[in-house]
Amino acid sequence: MEHRQHPRFPVQFRSSFSSANIISGEGKLGDLSIRGCRIFSDADVKPGTTLRLQVNVSRQQPPIQITQAVARWCRDGSFGLEFVSLSPEEWARLQQVVKELELEPYQRAASSNDAA
C-alpha cells in the first residue's frame, strides 16, 4: 500500500502546461496536493520532463503559475507532477486552495454563505 506524505483531493481544474522541449498541452488537473497533482491529458509527457503549469482554480482569479513541475510518472492518459518551484505569491495561493479543500463540504458551504 502506498503512503503519501500529503493528502490528495479530487478536483477538476482546467490546466495548461509547456516545457522548453516544445511539449505543451491542456488537461484536467485532478488529485491535487500541496506538493503535486495528476493531469489527465492526451499529451505524451515522459517521466523526468520539467514543465511550467497553469492551474485555473476559478474564473474570478488568474491561474496559479507553477514555474517548475517535474513529471514523475505517465500512464493511461494521465501523468503525475511534483511541484518544484513556485513564487512566494503563487505558493500562498496554492496553500489557500488546499486549505479550502481540507474543509469538510458543510464547512465550505457555511463559509460561502457567510461571504454572501
Protein backbone atom coordinates (compact mmCIF):
# COMPACT_ATOMS: atom_id res chain seq x y z
CA MET A 1 0.00 0.00 0.00
CA GLU A 2 1.30 3.42 -0.99
CA HIS A 3 1.68 6.02 1.76
CA ARG A 4 1.54 9.66 0.72
CA GLN A 5 3.13 12.42 2.71
CA HIS A 6 0.43 14.95 1.76
CA PRO A 7 -3.29 14.27 1.29
CA ARG A 8 -4.65 14.46 -2.25
CA PHE A 9 -8.01 15.96 -3.11
CA PRO A 10 -10.19 15.02 -6.09
CA VAL A 11 -10.65 18.18 -8.17
CA GLN A 12 -11.32 19.02 -11.79
CA PHE A 13 -9.44 22.23 -12.60
CA ARG A 14 -8.56 23.22 -16.15
CA SER A 15 -4.82 23.38 -16.67
CA SER A 16 -2.24 24.07 -19.34
CA PHE A 17 1.41 23.15 -19.44
CA SER A 18 4.53 23.69 -21.51
CA SER A 19 8.23 22.85 -21.49
CA ALA A 20 11.44 24.05 -23.07
CA ASN A 21 11.31 20.90 -25.24
CA ILE A 22 8.22 22.17 -27.09
CA ILE A 23 5.86 19.88 -25.19
CA SER A 24 2.66 21.73 -24.49
CA GLY A 25 -0.95 20.94 -23.95
CA GLU A 26 -4.05 21.26 -21.86
CA GLY A 27 -5.71 18.89 -19.47
CA LYS A 28 -7.81 18.39 -16.39
CA LEU A 29 -5.96 18.61 -13.11
CA GLY A 30 -7.04 16.03 -10.55
CA ASP A 31 -5.77 14.60 -7.28
CA LEU A 32 -4.30 17.89 -6.08
CA SER A 33 -1.97 18.03 -3.09
CA ILE A 34 0.27 20.76 -1.75
CA ARG A 35 3.25 19.12 -3.49
CA GLY A 36 1.82 17.75 -6.73
CA CYS A 37 -1.08 16.64 -8.86
CA ARG A 38 -2.30 14.36 -11.62
CA ILE A 39 -3.03 15.77 -15.07
CA PHE A 40 -5.44 13.97 -17.38
CA SER A 41 -4.27 14.71 -20.93
CA ASP A 42 -3.52 13.06 -24.26
CA ALA A 43 -0.08 14.74 -24.33
CA ASP A 44 2.90 12.39 -24.31
CA VAL A 45 4.83 13.57 -21.23
CA LYS A 46 7.77 11.40 -20.23
CA PRO A 47 8.88 10.94 -16.61
CA GLY A 48 11.61 13.44 -15.78
CA THR A 49 10.19 16.15 -18.05
CA THR A 50 10.16 19.61 -16.47
CA LEU A 51 7.02 21.64 -17.15
CA ARG A 52 5.56 25.05 -16.44
CA LEU A 53 1.97 24.61 -15.26
CA GLN A 54 -1.02 26.95 -15.09
CA VAL A 55 -3.94 25.90 -12.89
CA ASN A 56 -7.33 27.54 -13.40
CA VAL A 57 -8.91 27.28 -9.96
CA SER A 58 -11.71 29.78 -10.60
CA ARG A 59 -12.94 32.18 -13.24
CA GLN A 60 -12.62 35.10 -10.81
CA GLN A 61 -8.86 34.74 -10.34
CA PRO A 62 -5.89 34.37 -12.69
CA PRO A 63 -4.39 30.87 -12.98
CA ILE A 64 -1.92 29.70 -10.35
CA GLN A 65 1.51 29.60 -12.00
CA ILE A 66 3.75 26.67 -11.12
CA THR A 67 7.09 27.72 -12.61
CA GLN A 68 8.64 24.27 -12.37
CA ALA A 69 6.96 20.87 -12.03
CA VAL A 70 8.59 17.52 -12.81
CA ALA A 71 6.69 14.59 -14.32
CA ARG A 72 7.17 11.56 -12.06
CA TRP A 73 5.05 9.01 -13.97
CA CYS A 74 2.87 8.68 -17.07
CA ARG A 75 0.17 6.07 -17.80
CA ASP A 76 -3.32 5.62 -19.19
CA GLY A 77 -3.85 9.19 -20.44
CA SER A 78 -2.54 10.92 -17.34
CA PHE A 79 0.72 11.90 -15.68
CA GLY A 80 1.82 12.86 -12.18
CA LEU A 81 3.64 16.09 -11.41
CA GLU A 82 5.72 17.08 -8.42
CA PHE A 83 5.72 20.84 -7.80
CA VAL A 84 9.34 22.01 -7.57
CA SER A 85 9.26 25.80 -7.85
CA LEU A 86 6.64 28.50 -7.26
CA SER A 87 6.92 32.18 -6.42
CA PRO A 88 6.01 33.06 -2.81
CA GLU A 89 2.74 34.63 -4.00
CA GLU A 90 1.73 31.56 -6.02
CA TRP A 91 2.76 29.27 -3.15
CA ALA A 92 0.42 31.20 -0.83
CA ARG A 93 -2.42 30.89 -3.36
CA LEU A 94 -1.87 27.13 -3.69
CA GLN A 95 -1.80 26.71 0.09
CA GLN A 96 -5.12 28.60 0.33
CA VAL A 97 -6.76 26.35 -2.28
CA VAL A 98 -5.59 23.19 -0.48
CA LYS A 99 -6.67 24.61 2.88
CA GLU A 100 -10.18 25.19 1.48
CA LEU A 101 -10.25 21.65 0.07
CA GLU A 102 -9.35 20.26 3.51
CA LEU A 103 -12.51 21.72 4.99
CA GLU A 104 -15.48 19.40 5.19
CA PRO A 105 -18.09 20.13 2.49
CA TYR A 106 -20.52 21.55 5.03
CA GLN A 107 -17.81 23.94 6.27
CA ARG A 108 -17.16 25.12 2.70
CA ALA A 109 -20.90 25.70 2.22
CA ALA A 110 -21.13 27.61 5.51
CA SER A 111 -18.12 29.75 4.55
CA SER A 112 -19.69 30.53 1.16
CA ASN A 113 -22.96 31.51 2.81
CA ASP A 114 -21.13 33.76 5.29
CA ALA A 115 -19.37 35.55 2.42
CA ALA A 116 -22.65 36.16 0.56
